[in-house]
Amino acid sequence: MGYEKNRVTIYEVAKQSGVSLATVSRVINNSDSVKDDTKNKVMAVIKKLGYKPSGLAQALATNKTTTLGVIISSANYVYISNFLNGVTEICKTKGFGISLYTTSHSKEDAASCIEKAIKSHVDGVVIFDDELNDEDYNILNDYEVPVVVINNNISSSRIACIPFGYEHLIIRIITDYFNKGDKKMTFLHVHNGGRLLRRVENAFIKTHLDNDKTYEVVNCDDSYLRTYKDFMERFKTRRKEYIIAYRDSIAAAVLNAATDSGLSVPDDIEVLSIIGTKYSWIMRPQISSMHIDMQEVGKRAVYMLTDLIENNLQDKIYKFESVYIKRDSTKF
């Protein structure tokens, strides 16, 4: 069995040419700043060694790595996977690689990941982490690295953002239900759910208070199995309820517990998912949900970031509004 020859690197070309790495990179990138005799000498070594330029050669000459940093809270959620699909699709078309960083629902961990990404000399960063606040993002201005922030409304000369619109829609859904429905509403609060969940929960509570309606907020684990078990117990005594869940995997646990308890959906139990994904329509019954196309969010984030890198981004705020998709788990 033969062995493949080790790949020739830019370091070997520089060593045999007797020039710096930056000079080799400038030759590869056809820079006018290199003298003809030096260029000819380097090109001769490149031909002799059979060197194939890598991204490092371009980076040395242009001060760009053609790499984007992407920071997310977790890759386990379907909506995050959809977001990453959109990011990678546009990165491929624009010739960018990705350095992926994941946090663990910790503000300190998120800040540490941002610092790691920036110190790795990426050309720009996309941040989709719901634990950071405006003060944390303002620190990014000191780095002078282009950043696109997802699910926050903050912008500056080097920061653009993609905020999500959920509050107006949840208020409309709840208010409309007050006029048509007959069940008390329950909101499932998930620990470490982040800013989006808090915003929707606050809108839920305020709408009930403004309309003098009773409601309930129940702590819920971010776990299908635990939520299913909890609601199997709950439905032994609770037979009529409208439940708002953070994600459709949690909503699915509630629905399955309801049907396994002999309850009818949506006659007895109604369920709404705030963040709808493919589970909303593959479940039986299908789950009514609030929807934002996260793949399109990922695409837009890269478009905005690459424009920001080139100082060509005109509008630094691009808002995605959620839409209500009524399916089988709600009456209205």
Protein backbone atom coordinates (compact mmCIF):
# COMPACT_ATOMS: atom_id res chain seq x y z
CA MET A 1 0.00 0.00 0.00
CA GLY A 2 1.39 3.40 -0.96
CA TYR A 3 1.43 6.46 1.25
CA GLU A 4 0.25 9.87 0.18
CA LYS A 5 2.96 12.53 0.14
CA ASN A 6 2.66 15.12 2.89
CA ARG A 7 1.05 18.31 1.69
CA VAL A 8 3.49 21.11 0.96
CA THR A 9 2.86 24.14 3.16
CA ILE A 10 3.42 27.86 2.72
CA TYR A 11 6.12 27.63 5.38
CA GLU A 12 8.23 25.34 3.16
CA VAL A 13 7.80 27.67 0.20
CA ALA A 14 8.94 30.63 2.28
CA LYS A 15 11.93 28.70 3.67
CA GLN A 16 13.20 27.53 0.28
CA SER A 17 12.57 30.93 -1.28
CA GLY A 18 14.35 32.77 1.51
CA VAL A 19 11.45 35.19 2.01
CA SER A 20 8.74 35.78 4.62
CA LEU A 21 5.34 34.11 4.79
CA ALA A 22 3.70 37.42 3.97
CA THR A 23 5.82 37.79 0.83
CA VAL A 24 4.82 34.33 -0.40
CA SER A 25 1.19 35.22 0.29
CA ARG A 26 1.49 38.48 -1.63
CA VAL A 27 2.96 36.60 -4.60
CA ILE A 28 0.10 34.10 -4.54
CA ASN A 29 -2.42 36.94 -4.42
CA ASN A 30 -0.72 38.83 -7.28
CA SER A 31 0.19 41.84 -5.18
CA ASP A 32 1.98 44.69 -7.00
CA SER A 33 4.17 45.32 -3.95
CA VAL A 34 6.52 42.40 -4.72
CA LYS A 35 9.53 42.95 -6.97
CA ASP A 36 9.68 40.91 -10.17
CA ASP A 37 12.84 39.01 -9.26
CA THR A 38 11.39 38.02 -5.87
CA LYS A 39 8.12 37.03 -7.47
CA ASN A 40 9.89 34.88 -10.07
CA LYS A 41 11.99 33.18 -7.37
CA VAL A 42 8.92 32.35 -5.27
CA MET A 43 6.94 31.12 -8.27
CA ALA A 44 9.81 28.83 -9.24
CA VAL A 45 9.80 27.26 -5.76
CA ILE A 46 6.01 26.90 -5.86
CA LYS A 47 6.26 25.07 -9.18
CA LYS A 48 9.12 22.89 -7.95
CA LEU A 49 7.35 21.85 -4.75
CA GLY A 50 3.89 21.55 -6.30
CA TYR A 51 2.45 23.87 -3.67
CA LYS A 52 -1.32 24.47 -3.64
CA PRO A 53 -2.36 27.70 -1.85
CA SER A 54 -4.55 27.43 1.24
CA GLY A 55 -6.75 29.94 3.04
CA LEU A 56 -3.77 30.91 5.21
CA ALA A 57 -1.93 32.31 2.20
CA GLN A 58 -4.82 34.59 1.37
CA ALA A 59 -5.29 35.59 5.00
CA LEU A 60 -1.68 36.72 5.37
CA ALA A 61 -2.00 39.08 2.43
CA THR A 62 -5.50 40.42 3.01
CA ASN A 63 -5.71 40.24 6.83
CA LYS A 64 -8.86 38.14 6.34
CA THR A 65 -9.29 34.53 7.38
CA THR A 66 -12.44 33.85 5.29
CA THR A 67 -13.84 32.32 8.49
CA LEU A 68 -16.92 33.38 10.42
CA GLY A 69 -17.48 32.63 14.09
CA VAL A 70 -20.94 31.34 15.03
CA ILE A 71 -21.95 31.26 18.71
CA ILE A 72 -25.07 29.32 19.74
CA SER A 73 -26.47 28.17 23.07
CA SER A 74 -26.97 24.56 21.92
CA ALA A 75 -27.06 22.50 18.74
CA ASN A 76 -29.61 20.07 20.21
CA TYR A 77 -32.71 22.09 19.34
CA VAL A 78 -34.34 21.72 15.92
CA TYR A 79 -34.76 25.46 15.47
CA ILE A 80 -31.02 25.99 16.10
CA SER A 81 -30.22 23.26 13.55
CA ASN A 82 -32.45 25.02 11.03
CA PHE A 83 -30.65 28.27 11.76
CA LEU A 84 -27.25 26.63 11.21
CA ASN A 85 -28.45 25.13 7.92
CA GLY A 86 -29.18 28.63 6.68
CA VAL A 87 -25.81 29.92 7.90
CA THR A 88 -23.81 27.13 6.24
CA GLU A 89 -25.73 27.41 2.96
CA ILE A 90 -24.78 31.05 2.45
CA CYS A 91 -21.27 30.61 3.82
CA LYS A 92 -20.64 28.01 1.12
CA THR A 93 -21.81 30.32 -1.65
CA LYS A 94 -19.67 33.18 -0.32
CA GLY A 95 -16.57 31.09 0.33
CA PHE A 96 -16.51 31.32 4.14
CA GLY A 97 -15.69 28.58 6.60
CA ILE A 98 -17.29 28.40 10.05
CA SER A 99 -15.86 28.17 13.55
CA LEU A 100 -18.69 27.00 15.81
CA TYR A 101 -18.85 27.79 19.53
CA THR A 102 -21.54 26.50 21.90
CA THR A 103 -22.41 27.91 25.31
CA SER A 104 -24.19 26.23 28.19
CA HIS A 105 -27.03 28.59 29.18
CA SER A 106 -24.56 30.71 31.12
CA LYS A 107 -23.93 34.41 30.66
CA GLU A 108 -20.30 33.99 31.69
CA ASP A 109 -19.81 31.07 29.30
CA ALA A 110 -21.33 33.06 26.46
CA ALA A 111 -19.00 36.00 27.13
CA SER A 112 -16.04 33.59 27.20
CA CYS A 113 -17.07 32.11 23.84
CA ILE A 114 -17.28 35.57 22.31
CA GLU A 115 -13.75 36.33 23.49
CA LYS A 116 -12.46 33.00 22.11
CA ALA A 117 -14.10 33.60 18.75
CA ILE A 118 -12.69 37.08 18.39
CA LYS A 119 -9.20 36.06 19.49
CA SER A 120 -9.22 33.33 16.83
CA HIS A 121 -9.15 36.18 14.28
CA VAL A 122 -12.41 35.38 12.51
CA ASP A 123 -13.62 37.99 10.04
CA GLY A 124 -16.95 38.38 11.82
CA VAL A 125 -19.24 36.75 14.38
CA VAL A 126 -22.90 35.70 14.45
CA ILE A 127 -24.26 35.38 18.00
CA PHE A 128 -27.46 33.47 18.73
CA ASP A 129 -27.44 33.29 22.52
CA ASP A 130 -30.38 34.41 24.62
CA GLU A 131 -28.51 35.01 27.89
CA LEU A 132 -26.55 38.15 26.95
CA ASN A 133 -27.85 41.67 27.49
CA ASP A 134 -27.15 45.04 25.86
CA GLU A 135 -24.24 45.75 28.21
CA ASP A 136 -22.52 42.53 27.14
CA TYR A 137 -22.96 43.34 23.49
CA ASN A 138 -21.69 46.89 23.91
CA ILE A 139 -18.35 45.44 25.01
CA LEU A 140 -18.04 44.06 21.47
CA ASN A 141 -17.55 47.59 20.19
CA ASP A 142 -14.10 47.59 21.80
CA TYR A 143 -13.01 44.68 19.61
CA GLU A 144 -13.90 46.35 16.29
CA VAL A 145 -15.03 43.00 14.90
CA PRO A 146 -18.22 42.91 12.79
CA VAL A 147 -21.02 41.15 14.68
CA VAL A 148 -24.60 40.17 13.88
CA VAL A 149 -26.74 39.52 16.97
CA ILE A 150 -29.82 37.28 16.74
CA ASN A 151 -32.92 37.91 18.87
CA ASN A 152 -31.85 41.28 20.23
CA ASN A 153 -32.38 44.86 19.13
CA ILE A 154 -28.97 46.50 19.30
CA SER A 155 -26.83 48.10 16.61
CA SER A 156 -23.73 50.25 16.23
CA SER A 157 -21.07 50.93 13.62
CA ARG A 158 -19.84 47.30 13.79
CA ILE A 159 -22.92 45.54 15.21
CA ALA A 160 -26.09 44.61 13.32
CA CYS A 161 -29.04 42.68 14.67
CA ILE A 162 -31.99 40.46 13.79
CA PRO A 163 -34.72 40.92 16.43
CA PHE A 164 -37.74 38.60 16.65
CA GLY A 165 -41.32 39.80 16.99
CA TYR A 166 -43.41 37.56 19.25
CA GLU A 167 -45.10 39.80 21.82
CA HIS A 168 -47.71 41.44 19.58
CA LEU A 169 -48.74 38.06 18.19
CA ILE A 170 -49.09 36.34 21.58
CA ILE A 171 -51.18 39.27 22.83
CA ARG A 172 -53.45 38.97 19.78
CA ILE A 173 -53.80 35.19 20.18
CA ILE A 174 -54.66 35.49 23.88
CA THR A 175 -57.07 38.40 23.42
CA ASP A 176 -58.83 36.58 20.61
CA TYR A 177 -59.17 33.51 22.80
CA PHE A 178 -60.75 35.56 25.58
CA ASN A 179 -63.57 36.37 23.13
CA LYS A 180 -64.03 32.79 21.88
CA GLY A 181 -62.57 30.26 24.30
CA ASP A 182 -63.67 28.83 27.63
CA LYS A 183 -60.49 27.53 29.30
CA LYS A 184 -58.05 29.06 31.75
CA MET A 185 -54.61 29.55 30.23
CA THR A 186 -51.40 28.10 31.69
CA PHE A 187 -47.92 29.25 30.69
CA LEU A 188 -45.03 26.77 30.98
CA HIS A 189 -41.96 28.52 32.36
CA VAL A 190 -38.68 26.81 31.47
CA HIS A 191 -35.59 27.52 33.56
CA ASN A 192 -32.83 29.07 31.41
CA GLY A 193 -35.35 29.68 28.65
CA GLY A 194 -33.70 33.01 27.91
CA ARG A 195 -34.87 36.48 27.01
CA LEU A 196 -37.40 35.43 24.35
CA LEU A 197 -39.34 33.23 26.76
CA ARG A 198 -39.30 35.97 29.42
CA ARG A 199 -40.63 38.51 26.92
CA VAL A 200 -43.49 36.25 25.84
CA GLU A 201 -44.24 35.28 29.44
CA ASN A 202 -44.39 38.94 30.49
CA ALA A 203 -46.76 39.67 27.60
CA PHE A 204 -48.90 36.68 28.63
CA ILE A 205 -49.17 37.90 32.24
CA LYS A 206 -49.81 41.54 31.32
CA THR A 207 -52.55 40.62 28.84
CA HIS A 208 -54.35 38.58 31.51
CA LEU A 209 -54.02 41.31 34.10
CA ASP A 210 -55.22 43.98 31.65
CA ASN A 211 -58.29 41.88 30.89
CA ASP A 212 -58.92 40.83 34.52
CA LYS A 213 -58.50 37.14 33.65
CA THR A 214 -57.08 34.40 35.86
CA TYR A 215 -54.05 32.47 34.69
CA GLU A 216 -51.33 30.12 35.90
CA VAL A 217 -47.56 29.92 35.37
CA VAL A 218 -46.07 26.46 35.90
CA ASN A 219 -42.37 25.63 36.10
CA CYS A 220 -41.42 23.05 33.50
CA ASP A 221 -38.21 21.12 32.79
CA ASP A 222 -36.74 21.47 29.32
CA SER A 223 -37.22 17.75 28.84
CA TYR A 224 -39.82 15.80 26.89
CA LEU A 225 -39.78 12.80 29.23
CA ARG A 226 -39.99 14.78 32.48
CA THR A 227 -42.72 17.03 31.09
CA TYR A 228 -44.71 14.00 29.93
CA LYS A 229 -44.51 12.40 33.38
CA ASP A 230 -45.43 15.67 35.13
CA PHE A 231 -48.50 16.17 32.95
CA MET A 232 -49.63 12.58 33.31
CA GLU A 233 -49.91 13.44 37.01
CA ARG A 234 -51.43 16.86 36.36
CA PHE A 235 -54.15 15.50 34.09
CA LYS A 236 -55.42 13.23 36.85
CA THR A 237 -57.12 16.32 38.28
CA ARG A 238 -56.90 19.00 35.57
CA ARG A 239 -59.33 18.14 32.77
CA LYS A 240 -59.77 21.50 30.99
CA GLU A 241 -56.81 23.74 30.16
CA TYR A 242 -55.16 25.86 27.46
CA ILE A 243 -51.38 25.40 27.72
CA ILE A 244 -48.67 27.55 26.13
CA ALA A 245 -45.34 25.72 25.76
CA TYR A 246 -41.95 27.18 24.88
CA ARG A 247 -41.05 24.68 22.15
CA ASP A 248 -43.04 22.10 20.25
CA SER A 249 -41.13 19.17 21.76
CA ILE A 250 -42.50 20.33 25.14
CA ALA A 251 -45.92 20.84 23.56
CA ALA A 252 -45.71 17.29 22.18
CA ALA A 253 -45.11 15.94 25.68
CA VAL A 254 -48.24 17.74 26.92
CA LEU A 255 -50.33 16.49 23.98
CA ASN A 256 -49.22 12.89 24.42
CA ALA A 257 -49.90 13.04 28.14
CA ALA A 258 -53.37 14.42 27.41
CA THR A 259 -54.32 11.71 24.92
CA ASP A 260 -52.79 8.97 27.09
CA SER A 261 -54.93 10.29 29.96
CA GLY A 262 -58.09 9.86 27.89
CA LEU A 263 -58.52 13.59 27.24
CA SER A 264 -59.63 15.08 23.96
CA VAL A 265 -57.50 17.60 22.04
CA PRO A 266 -58.60 20.36 21.54
CA ASP A 267 -61.98 19.88 23.29
CA ASP A 268 -60.47 19.24 26.72
CA ILE A 269 -56.87 20.35 26.34
CA GLU A 270 -55.55 23.00 23.94
CA VAL A 271 -51.83 23.49 23.35
CA LEU A 272 -49.87 26.24 21.64
CA SER A 273 -46.12 26.14 20.91
CA ILE A 274 -44.18 29.42 20.90
CA ILE A 275 -41.31 28.12 18.75
CA GLY A 276 -42.68 25.83 16.09
CA THR A 277 -40.51 23.44 14.06
CA LYS A 278 -41.10 20.22 12.11
CA TYR A 279 -42.57 18.58 15.21
CA SER A 280 -45.56 20.90 14.90
CA TRP A 281 -46.80 19.18 11.77
CA ILE A 282 -45.49 15.62 12.23
CA MET A 283 -47.32 15.20 15.56
CA ARG A 284 -50.83 13.77 15.67
CA PRO A 285 -52.74 15.88 16.42
CA GLN A 286 -50.68 18.60 14.76
CA ILE A 287 -49.54 21.42 17.03
CA SER A 288 -50.67 25.01 16.59
CA SER A 289 -47.59 27.21 16.76
CA MET A 290 -46.00 30.61 16.38
CA HIS A 291 -43.51 30.37 13.56
CA ILE A 292 -40.37 32.10 12.31
CA ASP A 293 -38.36 30.45 9.52
CA MET A 294 -35.04 29.96 11.32
CA GLN A 295 -33.28 28.82 8.16
CA GLU A 296 -34.09 32.19 6.60
CA VAL A 297 -32.81 33.86 9.78
CA GLY A 298 -29.48 32.05 9.34
CA LYS A 299 -29.24 33.10 5.71
CA ARG A 300 -30.05 36.73 6.49
CA ALA A 301 -27.48 36.77 9.30
CA VAL A 302 -24.65 35.79 6.93
CA TYR A 303 -25.79 38.22 4.24
CA MET A 304 -25.79 41.02 6.80
CA LEU A 305 -22.46 40.02 8.32
CA THR A 306 -20.61 39.80 5.00
CA ASP A 307 -21.99 43.22 4.02
CA LEU A 308 -20.95 44.56 7.42
CA ILE A 309 -17.43 43.19 6.92
CA GLU A 310 -17.19 45.06 3.61
CA ASN A 311 -18.76 48.21 5.11
CA ASN A 312 -21.69 47.86 2.70
CA LEU A 313 -24.54 47.19 5.13
CA GLN A 314 -27.11 49.97 4.93
CA ASP A 315 -29.80 48.72 7.33
CA LYS A 316 -28.33 47.25 10.50
CA ILE A 317 -31.69 46.03 11.84
CA TYR A 318 -33.74 43.34 10.09
CA LYS A 319 -36.76 42.16 12.07
CA PHE A 320 -38.49 38.79 11.69
CA GLU A 321 -42.13 38.77 12.81
CA SER A 322 -43.66 35.49 13.94
CA VAL A 323 -46.87 34.21 12.37
CA TYR A 324 -49.61 32.09 13.94
CA ILE A 325 -50.18 28.72 12.26
CA LYS A 326 -53.41 27.19 13.54
CA ARG A 327 -53.40 23.41 13.49
CA ASP A 328 -55.28 20.68 15.38
CA SER A 329 -54.21 21.39 18.96
CA THR A 330 -56.26 24.59 19.34
CA LYS A 331 -59.85 25.46 18.48
CA PHE A 332 -59.20 28.94 17.14
